[in-house]
């Protein structure tokens, strides 16, 4: 395997999911990040859970959240780092909200007021809504009475690191936008933010860890396997393997770092071969003239 094609661990930035997840597993780092992104002090109770999977039924698609934690008011924060625009992020936030909510109540519970408040945060180096803003915060409001909020306790926040309305945000927030896409000592060194410096110390710890280096290479090799030593057939095998585990098309595209359109075509071709998935026949069906 040609290691020249590998982005080295020391060159990763927070916008790369591996580094983001490993960094935010540290409670103080995640607490600092959420506080900066919301421009509001947040006090988390426990260490964050990373790559947390939720499945409410074997017949339904599962979801995997990058980072999840709870604050002292029992509000749940779940955060996603999204490097590529898959074109489905708005609807995905809705699906994630549904899974989270269902998991919060005990079976048979009749009191919906027991649902925790929640805050979904998606961070991306692109603008989902194309309005040029650094941050988009959504709460349920009434069309007829714009000043009336639904008050269901859920908030969705979309962060665009390349937003243009920078004059509306704190220096700390703007410095963190720069650091997300360039997680270097140089960027961390010029900020006055102690929170960003704390996050950078955790980033450096991960980048200098031999154990993390091995973990990263294992992850990279798994992703690269679909692209090397077998080409399209190997990719089909990887997709079918994940389909067999109940993964959704979106999850497969993210895990294999492939275009959604390409994965969707393979999944559609494989549909008639479930659950055994004869990959050679799927290949023939997919590429027959």
C-alpha atoms as a PDB file:
ATOM      1  CA  UNK A   1       0.000   0.000   0.000  1.00  0.00           C
ATOM      2  CA  UNK A   2       1.378   3.382  -1.021  1.00  0.00           C
ATOM      3  CA  UNK A   3       1.760   5.338   2.193  1.00  0.00           C
ATOM      4  CA  UNK A   4       2.539   8.495   0.190  1.00  0.00           C
ATOM      5  CA  UNK A   5      -1.202   8.920  -0.308  1.00  0.00           C
ATOM      6  CA  UNK A   6      -1.877   8.956   3.432  1.00  0.00           C
ATOM      7  CA  UNK A   7      -2.466  12.251   5.196  1.00  0.00           C
ATOM      8  CA  UNK A   8      -0.232  11.909   8.223  1.00  0.00           C
ATOM      9  CA  UNK A   9      -1.785  12.138  11.658  1.00  0.00           C
ATOM     10  CA  UNK A  10       0.334  15.191  12.461  1.00  0.00           C
ATOM     11  CA  UNK A  11      -1.147  16.977   9.422  1.00  0.00           C
ATOM     12  CA  UNK A  12      -4.797  16.374  10.294  1.00  0.00           C
ATOM     13  CA  UNK A  13      -7.072  19.240  11.320  1.00  0.00           C
ATOM     14  CA  UNK A  14     -10.188  19.235  13.479  1.00  0.00           C
ATOM     15  CA  UNK A  15     -12.266  19.255  10.309  1.00  0.00           C
ATOM     16  CA  UNK A  16     -11.029  15.669   9.827  1.00  0.00           C
ATOM     17  CA  UNK A  17     -13.430  13.380  11.667  1.00  0.00           C
ATOM     18  CA  UNK A  18     -10.760  11.127  13.207  1.00  0.00           C
ATOM     19  CA  UNK A  19      -8.961  13.986  14.955  1.00  0.00           C
ATOM     20  CA  UNK A  20     -12.225  15.695  15.901  1.00  0.00           C
ATOM     21  CA  UNK A  21     -13.670  12.575  17.543  1.00  0.00           C
ATOM     22  CA  UNK A  22     -10.498  11.704  19.421  1.00  0.00           C
ATOM     23  CA  UNK A  23     -10.040  15.292  20.640  1.00  0.00           C
ATOM     24  CA  UNK A  24     -13.634  15.798  21.749  1.00  0.00           C
ATOM     25  CA  UNK A  25     -13.630  12.575  23.731  1.00  0.00           C
ATOM     26  CA  UNK A  26     -11.910  14.708  26.344  1.00  0.00           C
ATOM     27  CA  UNK A  27     -14.631  16.377  28.449  1.00  0.00           C
ATOM     28  CA  UNK A  28     -12.789  19.673  28.891  1.00  0.00           C
ATOM     29  CA  UNK A  29     -12.036  19.931  25.164  1.00  0.00           C
ATOM     30  CA  UNK A  30     -15.638  19.262  24.152  1.00  0.00           C
ATOM     31  CA  UNK A  31     -16.932  21.612  26.824  1.00  0.00           C
ATOM     32  CA  UNK A  32     -14.625  24.332  25.495  1.00  0.00           C
ATOM     33  CA  UNK A  33     -15.647  23.723  21.884  1.00  0.00           C
ATOM     34  CA  UNK A  34     -19.394  23.817  22.581  1.00  0.00           C
ATOM     35  CA  UNK A  35     -19.011  26.956  24.705  1.00  0.00           C
ATOM     36  CA  UNK A  36     -17.142  28.688  21.881  1.00  0.00           C
ATOM     37  CA  UNK A  37     -19.554  27.609  19.145  1.00  0.00           C
ATOM     38  CA  UNK A  38     -22.636  28.719  21.082  1.00  0.00           C
ATOM     39  CA  UNK A  39     -20.859  31.727  22.644  1.00  0.00           C
ATOM     40  CA  UNK A  40     -22.294  30.627  25.959  1.00  0.00           C
ATOM     41  CA  UNK A  41     -20.596  28.911  28.888  1.00  0.00           C
ATOM     42  CA  UNK A  42     -21.530  25.225  29.026  1.00  0.00           C
ATOM     43  CA  UNK A  43     -20.703  22.883  31.913  1.00  0.00           C
ATOM     44  CA  UNK A  44     -20.711  19.242  30.867  1.00  0.00           C
ATOM     45  CA  UNK A  45     -21.276  16.483  33.410  1.00  0.00           C
ATOM     46  CA  UNK A  46     -19.305  13.598  31.974  1.00  0.00           C
ATOM     47  CA  UNK A  47     -16.738  12.621  29.392  1.00  0.00           C
ATOM     48  CA  UNK A  48     -18.199  12.828  25.899  1.00  0.00           C
ATOM     49  CA  UNK A  49     -19.113   9.673  24.013  1.00  0.00           C
ATOM     50  CA  UNK A  50     -17.759   9.476  20.469  1.00  0.00           C
ATOM     51  CA  UNK A  51     -19.015   7.483  17.471  1.00  0.00           C
ATOM     52  CA  UNK A  52     -22.090   6.592  19.511  1.00  0.00           C
ATOM     53  CA  UNK A  53     -24.550   4.365  17.658  1.00  0.00           C
ATOM     54  CA  UNK A  54     -28.325   4.495  18.059  1.00  0.00           C
ATOM     55  CA  UNK A  55     -30.681   1.887  16.648  1.00  0.00           C
ATOM     56  CA  UNK A  56     -34.311   1.937  17.768  1.00  0.00           C
ATOM     57  CA  UNK A  57     -35.250  -1.141  15.729  1.00  0.00           C
ATOM     58  CA  UNK A  58     -33.337  -3.836  13.789  1.00  0.00           C
ATOM     59  CA  UNK A  59     -35.463  -2.933  10.761  1.00  0.00           C
ATOM     60  CA  UNK A  60     -34.628   0.769  10.849  1.00  0.00           C
ATOM     61  CA  UNK A  61     -31.459   2.570   9.923  1.00  0.00           C
ATOM     62  CA  UNK A  62     -29.085   3.244  12.757  1.00  0.00           C
ATOM     63  CA  UNK A  63     -27.292   6.533  13.271  1.00  0.00           C
ATOM     64  CA  UNK A  64     -23.767   7.216  14.474  1.00  0.00           C
ATOM     65  CA  UNK A  65     -23.094  10.474  16.258  1.00  0.00           C
ATOM     66  CA  UNK A  66     -19.584  11.925  16.343  1.00  0.00           C
ATOM     67  CA  UNK A  67     -19.791  13.355  19.882  1.00  0.00           C
ATOM     68  CA  UNK A  68     -22.526  13.253  22.542  1.00  0.00           C
ATOM     69  CA  UNK A  69     -22.592  14.663  26.068  1.00  0.00           C
ATOM     70  CA  UNK A  70     -24.906  16.252  28.654  1.00  0.00           C
ATOM     71  CA  UNK A  71     -24.625  19.470  30.629  1.00  0.00           C
ATOM     72  CA  UNK A  72     -25.469  20.243  34.241  1.00  0.00           C
ATOM     73  CA  UNK A  73     -29.047  21.127  33.200  1.00  0.00           C
ATOM     74  CA  UNK A  74     -29.366  17.687  31.544  1.00  0.00           C
ATOM     75  CA  UNK A  75     -29.465  19.203  28.073  1.00  0.00           C
ATOM     76  CA  UNK A  76     -27.967  16.831  25.513  1.00  0.00           C
ATOM     77  CA  UNK A  77     -25.412  18.108  23.014  1.00  0.00           C
ATOM     78  CA  UNK A  78     -24.681  16.051  19.953  1.00  0.00           C
ATOM     79  CA  UNK A  79     -22.147  17.348  17.473  1.00  0.00           C
ATOM     80  CA  UNK A  80     -21.161  16.338  13.950  1.00  0.00           C
ATOM     81  CA  UNK A  81     -18.089  17.327  11.961  1.00  0.00           C
ATOM     82  CA  UNK A  82     -18.889  17.248   8.251  1.00  0.00           C
ATOM     83  CA  UNK A  83     -16.033  17.778   5.810  1.00  0.00           C
ATOM     84  CA  UNK A  84     -17.985  17.072   2.610  1.00  0.00           C
ATOM     85  CA  UNK A  85     -21.408  18.303   1.556  1.00  0.00           C
ATOM     86  CA  UNK A  86     -23.488  15.161   1.001  1.00  0.00           C
ATOM     87  CA  UNK A  87     -26.544  17.165   0.018  1.00  0.00           C
ATOM     88  CA  UNK A  88     -28.751  15.634   2.720  1.00  0.00           C
ATOM     89  CA  UNK A  89     -27.599  17.340   5.882  1.00  0.00           C
ATOM     90  CA  UNK A  90     -30.838  19.202   6.605  1.00  0.00           C
ATOM     91  CA  UNK A  91     -32.942  16.027   6.486  1.00  0.00           C
ATOM     92  CA  UNK A  92     -30.245  14.108   8.336  1.00  0.00           C
ATOM     93  CA  UNK A  93     -30.502  16.513  11.274  1.00  0.00           C
ATOM     94  CA  UNK A  94     -34.219  15.723  11.441  1.00  0.00           C
ATOM     95  CA  UNK A  95     -33.582  11.961  11.432  1.00  0.00           C
ATOM     96  CA  UNK A  96     -30.917  12.288  14.109  1.00  0.00           C
ATOM     97  CA  UNK A  97     -33.290  14.316  16.285  1.00  0.00           C
ATOM     98  CA  UNK A  98     -35.914  11.575  16.020  1.00  0.00           C
ATOM     99  CA  UNK A  99     -33.481   8.849  17.073  1.00  0.00           C
ATOM    100  CA  UNK A 100     -32.206  10.870  20.004  1.00  0.00           C
ATOM    101  CA  UNK A 101     -35.717  11.670  21.232  1.00  0.00           C
ATOM    102  CA  UNK A 102     -36.922   8.068  21.042  1.00  0.00           C
ATOM    103  CA  UNK A 103     -33.934   6.927  23.093  1.00  0.00           C
ATOM    104  CA  UNK A 104     -34.675   9.383  25.925  1.00  0.00           C
ATOM    105  CA  UNK A 105     -37.941   7.920  27.221  1.00  0.00           C
ATOM    106  CA  UNK A 106     -38.439   4.596  28.961  1.00  0.00           C
ATOM    107  CA  UNK A 107     -40.781   2.135  27.204  1.00  0.00           C
ATOM    108  CA  UNK A 108     -44.371   2.899  28.179  1.00  0.00           C
ATOM    109  CA  UNK A 109     -43.588   6.364  29.502  1.00  0.00           C
ATOM    110  CA  UNK A 110     -46.558   8.710  29.085  1.00  0.00           C
ATOM    111  CA  UNK A 111     -44.892  11.933  30.227  1.00  0.00           C
ATOM    112  CA  UNK A 112     -43.290  13.606  27.218  1.00  0.00           C
ATOM    113  CA  UNK A 113     -42.151  16.465  29.441  1.00  0.00           C
ATOM    114  CA  UNK A 114     -39.433  14.118  30.637  1.00  0.00           C
ATOM    115  CA  UNK A 115     -37.668  14.561  27.293  1.00  0.00           C
ATOM    116  CA  UNK A 116     -34.327  16.265  27.772  1.00  0.00           C
ATOM    117  CA  UNK A 117     -33.669  19.531  25.989  1.00  0.00           C
ATOM    118  CA  UNK A 118     -31.255  18.943  23.124  1.00  0.00           C
ATOM    119  CA  UNK A 119     -28.838  20.878  20.971  1.00  0.00           C
ATOM    120  CA  UNK A 120     -27.629  19.507  17.636  1.00  0.00           C
ATOM    121  CA  UNK A 121     -24.471  21.171  16.280  1.00  0.00           C
ATOM    122  CA  UNK A 122     -23.111  20.511  12.801  1.00  0.00           C
ATOM    123  CA  UNK A 123     -19.730  22.010  11.894  1.00  0.00           C
ATOM    124  CA  UNK A 124     -18.731  22.298   8.243  1.00  0.00           C
ATOM    125  CA  UNK A 125     -16.203  24.209   6.089  1.00  0.00           C
ATOM    126  CA  UNK A 126     -19.013  25.116   3.677  1.00  0.00           C
ATOM    127  CA  UNK A 127     -22.336  26.936   3.722  1.00  0.00           C
ATOM    128  CA  UNK A 128     -25.340  24.583   3.681  1.00  0.00           C
ATOM    129  CA  UNK A 129     -27.823  27.443   3.344  1.00  0.00           C
ATOM    130  CA  UNK A 130     -25.760  29.721   1.054  1.00  0.00           C
ATOM    131  CA  UNK A 131     -26.569  32.876   3.005  1.00  0.00           C
ATOM    132  CA  UNK A 132     -22.989  33.672   3.978  1.00  0.00           C
ATOM    133  CA  UNK A 133     -23.486  33.313   7.739  1.00  0.00           C
ATOM    134  CA  UNK A 134     -21.035  31.784  10.206  1.00  0.00           C
ATOM    135  CA  UNK A 135     -23.818  30.288  12.304  1.00  0.00           C
ATOM    136  CA  UNK A 136     -27.444  29.329  11.698  1.00  0.00           C
ATOM    137  CA  UNK A 137     -29.553  28.600  14.796  1.00  0.00           C
ATOM    138  CA  UNK A 138     -32.974  26.993  14.372  1.00  0.00           C
ATOM    139  CA  UNK A 139     -35.745  26.847  16.952  1.00  0.00           C
ATOM    140  CA  UNK A 140     -39.397  26.082  16.218  1.00  0.00           C
ATOM    141  CA  UNK A 141     -41.252  29.325  15.473  1.00  0.00           C
ATOM    142  CA  UNK A 142     -44.799  30.074  14.367  1.00  0.00           C
ATOM    143  CA  UNK A 143     -45.284  31.300  10.807  1.00  0.00           C
ATOM    144  CA  UNK A 144     -48.279  33.383  11.814  1.00  0.00           C
ATOM    145  CA  UNK A 145     -46.636  34.721  14.987  1.00  0.00           C
ATOM    146  CA  UNK A 146     -42.869  34.955  14.328  1.00  0.00           C
ATOM    147  CA  UNK A 147     -42.226  35.993  17.927  1.00  0.00           C
ATOM    148  CA  UNK A 148     -43.857  32.785  19.199  1.00  0.00           C
ATOM    149  CA  UNK A 149     -41.496  29.847  19.753  1.00  0.00           C
ATOM    150  CA  UNK A 150     -42.680  26.259  19.951  1.00  0.00           C
ATOM    151  CA  UNK A 151     -40.654  25.680  23.111  1.00  0.00           C
ATOM    152  CA  UNK A 152     -40.122  21.955  22.544  1.00  0.00           C
ATOM    153  CA  UNK A 153     -36.596  22.170  23.933  1.00  0.00           C
ATOM    154  CA  UNK A 154     -34.743  21.346  20.720  1.00  0.00           C
ATOM    155  CA  UNK A 155     -32.218  23.564  18.945  1.00  0.00           C
ATOM    156  CA  UNK A 156     -30.279  22.905  15.736  1.00  0.00           C
ATOM    157  CA  UNK A 157     -27.106  24.866  15.051  1.00  0.00           C
ATOM    158  CA  UNK A 158     -25.210  24.777  11.754  1.00  0.00           C
ATOM    159  CA  UNK A 159     -21.689  26.212  11.769  1.00  0.00           C
ATOM    160  CA  UNK A 160     -20.058  27.457   8.566  1.00  0.00           C
ATOM    161  CA  UNK A 161     -16.344  28.067   9.178  1.00  0.00           C
ATOM    162  CA  UNK A 162     -16.171  30.226   6.031  1.00  0.00           C
ATOM    163  CA  UNK A 163     -19.014  32.598   6.907  1.00  0.00           C
ATOM    164  CA  UNK A 164     -18.700  36.235   5.924  1.00  0.00           C
ATOM    165  CA  UNK A 165     -20.544  38.018   8.767  1.00  0.00           C
ATOM    166  CA  UNK A 166     -17.483  37.835  10.990  1.00  0.00           C
ATOM    167  CA  UNK A 167     -18.102  41.254  12.551  1.00  0.00           C
ATOM    168  CA  UNK A 168     -21.070  39.765  14.446  1.00  0.00           C
ATOM    169  CA  UNK A 169     -18.975  37.226  16.380  1.00  0.00           C
ATOM    170  CA  UNK A 170     -16.447  37.229  19.178  1.00  0.00           C
ATOM    171  CA  UNK A 171     -12.726  37.067  18.517  1.00  0.00           C
ATOM    172  CA  UNK A 172     -12.663  33.673  20.227  1.00  0.00           C
ATOM    173  CA  UNK A 173     -15.355  32.273  17.909  1.00  0.00           C
ATOM    174  CA  UNK A 174     -13.532  33.550  14.818  1.00  0.00           C
ATOM    175  CA  UNK A 175     -10.191  32.180  16.019  1.00  0.00           C
ATOM    176  CA  UNK A 176     -11.832  28.791  16.513  1.00  0.00           C
ATOM    177  CA  UNK A 177     -13.224  28.890  12.963  1.00  0.00           C
ATOM    178  CA  UNK A 178      -9.646  29.323  11.749  1.00  0.00           C
ATOM    179  CA  UNK A 179      -8.366  26.594  14.057  1.00  0.00           C
ATOM    180  CA  UNK A 180     -10.946  24.027  12.919  1.00  0.00           C
ATOM    181  CA  UNK A 181      -9.553  24.064   9.388  1.00  0.00           C
ATOM    182  CA  UNK A 182      -5.929  24.706  10.349  1.00  0.00           C
ATOM    183  CA  UNK A 183      -5.240  22.997  13.686  1.00  0.00           C
ATOM    184  CA  UNK A 184      -1.629  24.084  13.915  1.00  0.00           C
ATOM    185  CA  UNK A 185       0.539  25.443  16.681  1.00  0.00           C
ATOM    186  CA  UNK A 186       0.865  28.675  14.687  1.00  0.00           C
ATOM    187  CA  UNK A 187      -2.900  29.313  14.678  1.00  0.00           C
ATOM    188  CA  UNK A 188      -3.273  28.252  18.311  1.00  0.00           C
ATOM    189  CA  UNK A 189      -0.348  30.445  19.295  1.00  0.00           C
ATOM    190  CA  UNK A 190      -1.814  33.679  18.022  1.00  0.00           C
ATOM    191  CA  UNK A 191      -5.163  33.363  19.837  1.00  0.00           C
ATOM    192  CA  UNK A 192      -5.854  34.821  23.261  1.00  0.00           C
ATOM    193  CA  UNK A 193      -8.478  32.140  23.965  1.00  0.00           C
ATOM    194  CA  UNK A 194      -7.591  29.768  26.781  1.00  0.00           C
ATOM    195  CA  UNK A 195     -10.304  27.406  25.528  1.00  0.00           C
ATOM    196  CA  UNK A 196      -8.672  27.080  22.122  1.00  0.00           C
ATOM    197  CA  UNK A 197      -5.276  26.588  23.747  1.00  0.00           C
ATOM    198  CA  UNK A 198      -6.791  23.821  25.895  1.00  0.00           C
ATOM    199  CA  UNK A 199      -8.213  22.141  22.780  1.00  0.00           C
ATOM    200  CA  UNK A 200      -4.856  22.487  21.027  1.00  0.00           C
ATOM    201  CA  UNK A 201      -3.056  20.760  23.894  1.00  0.00           C
ATOM    202  CA  UNK A 202      -5.394  17.805  23.455  1.00  0.00           C
ATOM    203  CA  UNK A 203      -4.832  17.852  19.699  1.00  0.00           C
ATOM    204  CA  UNK A 204      -1.054  17.816  20.212  1.00  0.00           C
ATOM    205  CA  UNK A 205      -1.350  14.972  22.687  1.00  0.00           C
ATOM    206  CA  UNK A 206      -3.210  12.893  20.110  1.00  0.00           C
ATOM    207  CA  UNK A 207      -0.848  13.733  17.273  1.00  0.00           C
ATOM    208  CA  UNK A 208       2.167  12.758  19.376  1.00  0.00           C
ATOM    209  CA  UNK A 209       0.634   9.501  20.650  1.00  0.00           C
ATOM    210  CA  UNK A 210       2.061   6.308  19.147  1.00  0.00           C
ATOM    211  CA  UNK A 211      -1.153   4.489  20.084  1.00  0.00           C
ATOM    212  CA  UNK A 212      -3.238   7.063  18.219  1.00  0.00           C
ATOM    213  CA  UNK A 213      -0.904   6.777  15.249  1.00  0.00           C
ATOM    214  CA  UNK A 214      -1.556   3.039  15.037  1.00  0.00           C
ATOM    215  CA  UNK A 215      -5.309   3.544  15.438  1.00  0.00           C
ATOM    216  CA  UNK A 216      -5.338   6.157  12.694  1.00  0.00           C
ATOM    217  CA  UNK A 217      -3.402   3.949  10.277  1.00  0.00           C
ATOM    218  CA  UNK A 218      -5.748   1.045  10.918  1.00  0.00           C
ATOM    219  CA  UNK A 219      -8.705   3.311  10.161  1.00  0.00           C
ATOM    220  CA  UNK A 220      -7.053   4.639   7.033  1.00  0.00           C
ATOM    221  CA  UNK A 221      -6.208   1.172   5.752  1.00  0.00           C
ATOM    222  CA  UNK A 222      -9.824   0.105   6.171  1.00  0.00           C
ATOM    223  CA  UNK A 223     -10.969   3.093   4.101  1.00  0.00           C
ATOM    224  CA  UNK A 224      -8.253   2.636   1.492  1.00  0.00           C
ATOM    225  CA  UNK A 225      -9.025  -1.058   1.047  1.00  0.00           C
ATOM    226  CA  UNK A 226     -12.082  -0.187  -1.000  1.00  0.00           C
ATOM    227  CA  UNK A 227     -10.038   1.973  -3.348  1.00  0.00           C
ATOM    228  CA  UNK A 228      -6.998  -0.247  -3.811  1.00  0.00           C
ATOM    229  CA  UNK A 229      -6.222  -3.894  -4.519  1.00  0.00           C
ATOM    230  CA  UNK A 230      -9.474  -4.631  -6.309  1.00  0.00           C
ATOM    231  CA  UNK A 231     -10.953  -1.347  -7.504  1.00  0.00           C
ATOM    232  CA  UNK A 232     -14.681  -1.317  -8.097  1.00  0.00           C
ATOM    233  CA  UNK A 233     -15.269  -4.928  -7.058  1.00  0.00           C
ATOM    234  CA  UNK A 234     -13.536  -4.316  -3.738  1.00  0.00           C
ATOM    235  CA  UNK A 235     -15.676  -1.213  -3.226  1.00  0.00           C
ATOM    236  CA  UNK A 236     -18.805  -3.273  -3.901  1.00  0.00           C
ATOM    237  CA  UNK A 237     -17.633  -5.844  -1.338  1.00  0.00           C
ATOM    238  CA  UNK A 238     -17.079  -3.112   1.243  1.00  0.00           C
ATOM    239  CA  UNK A 239     -20.510  -1.614   0.570  1.00  0.00           C
ATOM    240  CA  UNK A 240     -22.233  -5.003   0.798  1.00  0.00           C
ATOM    241  CA  UNK A 241     -20.431  -5.791   4.035  1.00  0.00           C
ATOM    242  CA  UNK A 242     -21.778  -2.607   5.566  1.00  0.00           C
ATOM    243  CA  UNK A 243     -25.245  -3.179   4.122  1.00  0.00           C
ATOM    244  CA  UNK A 244     -25.223  -6.532   5.877  1.00  0.00           C
ATOM    245  CA  UNK A 245     -24.624  -4.694   9.140  1.00  0.00           C
ATOM    246  CA  UNK A 246     -27.634  -2.473   8.551  1.00  0.00           C
ATOM    247  CA  UNK A 247     -25.701   0.641   7.598  1.00  0.00           C
ATOM    248  CA  UNK A 248     -27.512   3.317   5.610  1.00  0.00           C
ATOM    249  CA  UNK A 249     -26.279   4.696   2.279  1.00  0.00           C
ATOM    250  CA  UNK A 250     -25.315   7.938   3.993  1.00  0.00           C
ATOM    251  CA  UNK A 251     -23.297   6.106   6.644  1.00  0.00           C
ATOM    252  CA  UNK A 252     -21.564   3.967   4.015  1.00  0.00           C
ATOM    253  CA  UNK A 253     -20.657   6.981   1.890  1.00  0.00           C
ATOM    254  CA  UNK A 254     -19.195   8.706   4.949  1.00  0.00           C
ATOM    255  CA  UNK A 255     -17.344   5.635   6.213  1.00  0.00           C
ATOM    256  CA  UNK A 256     -15.767   4.863   2.831  1.00  0.00           C
ATOM    257  CA  UNK A 257     -15.312   8.537   1.926  1.00  0.00           C
ATOM    258  CA  UNK A 258     -17.012   8.063  -1.436  1.00  0.00           C
ATOM    259  CA  UNK A 259     -19.499  10.216  -3.332  1.00  0.00           C
ATOM    260  CA  UNK A 260     -23.091   9.636  -2.279  1.00  0.00           C
ATOM    261  CA  UNK A 261     -24.202   9.166  -5.894  1.00  0.00           C
ATOM    262  CA  UNK A 262     -21.727   6.338  -6.435  1.00  0.00           C
ATOM    263  CA  UNK A 263     -22.698   4.528  -3.227  1.00  0.00           C
ATOM    264  CA  UNK A 264     -26.390   4.950  -4.020  1.00  0.00           C
ATOM    265  CA  UNK A 265     -25.955   3.207  -7.391  1.00  0.00           C
ATOM    266  CA  UNK A 266     -24.177   0.274  -5.759  1.00  0.00           C
ATOM    267  CA  UNK A 267     -26.834  -0.022  -3.049  1.00  0.00           C
ATOM    268  CA  UNK A 268     -29.605   0.024  -5.641  1.00  0.00           C
ATOM    269  CA  UNK A 269     -27.863  -2.691  -7.643  1.00  0.00           C
ATOM    270  CA  UNK A 270     -27.299  -4.766  -4.499  1.00  0.00           C
ATOM    271  CA  UNK A 271     -30.906  -4.513  -3.316  1.00  0.00           C
ATOM    272  CA  UNK A 272     -32.051  -7.565  -5.249  1.00  0.00           C
ATOM    273  CA  UNK A 273     -29.232  -9.717  -3.868  1.00  0.00           C
ATOM    274  CA  UNK A 274     -29.924  -9.253  -0.126  1.00  0.00           C
ATOM    275  CA  UNK A 275     -29.141 -10.701   2.311  1.00  0.00           C
ATOM    276  CA  UNK A 276     -26.346 -12.835   0.796  1.00  0.00           C
ATOM    277  CA  UNK A 277     -25.017 -10.209  -1.646  1.00  0.00           C
ATOM    278  CA  UNK A 278     -23.241 -11.983  -4.508  1.00  0.00           C
ATOM    279  CA  UNK A 279     -20.724  -9.234  -5.219  1.00  0.00           C
ATOM    280  CA  UNK A 280     -19.615 -10.603  -8.608  1.00  0.00           C
ATOM    281  CA  UNK A 281     -23.217 -10.644  -9.864  1.00  0.00           C
ATOM    282  CA  UNK A 282     -23.807  -7.175  -8.440  1.00  0.00           C
ATOM    283  CA  UNK A 283     -20.712  -6.005 -10.320  1.00  0.00           C
ATOM    284  CA  UNK A 284     -22.036  -7.494 -13.565  1.00  0.00           C
ATOM    285  CA  UNK A 285     -25.437  -5.895 -13.041  1.00  0.00           C
ATOM    286  CA  UNK A 286     -23.915  -2.536 -12.213  1.00  0.00           C
ATOM    287  CA  UNK A 287     -21.522  -2.387 -15.140  1.00  0.00           C
ATOM    288  CA  UNK A 288     -23.347  -4.335 -17.823  1.00  0.00           C
ATOM    289  CA  UNK A 289     -23.850  -2.381 -21.029  1.00  0.00           C
END
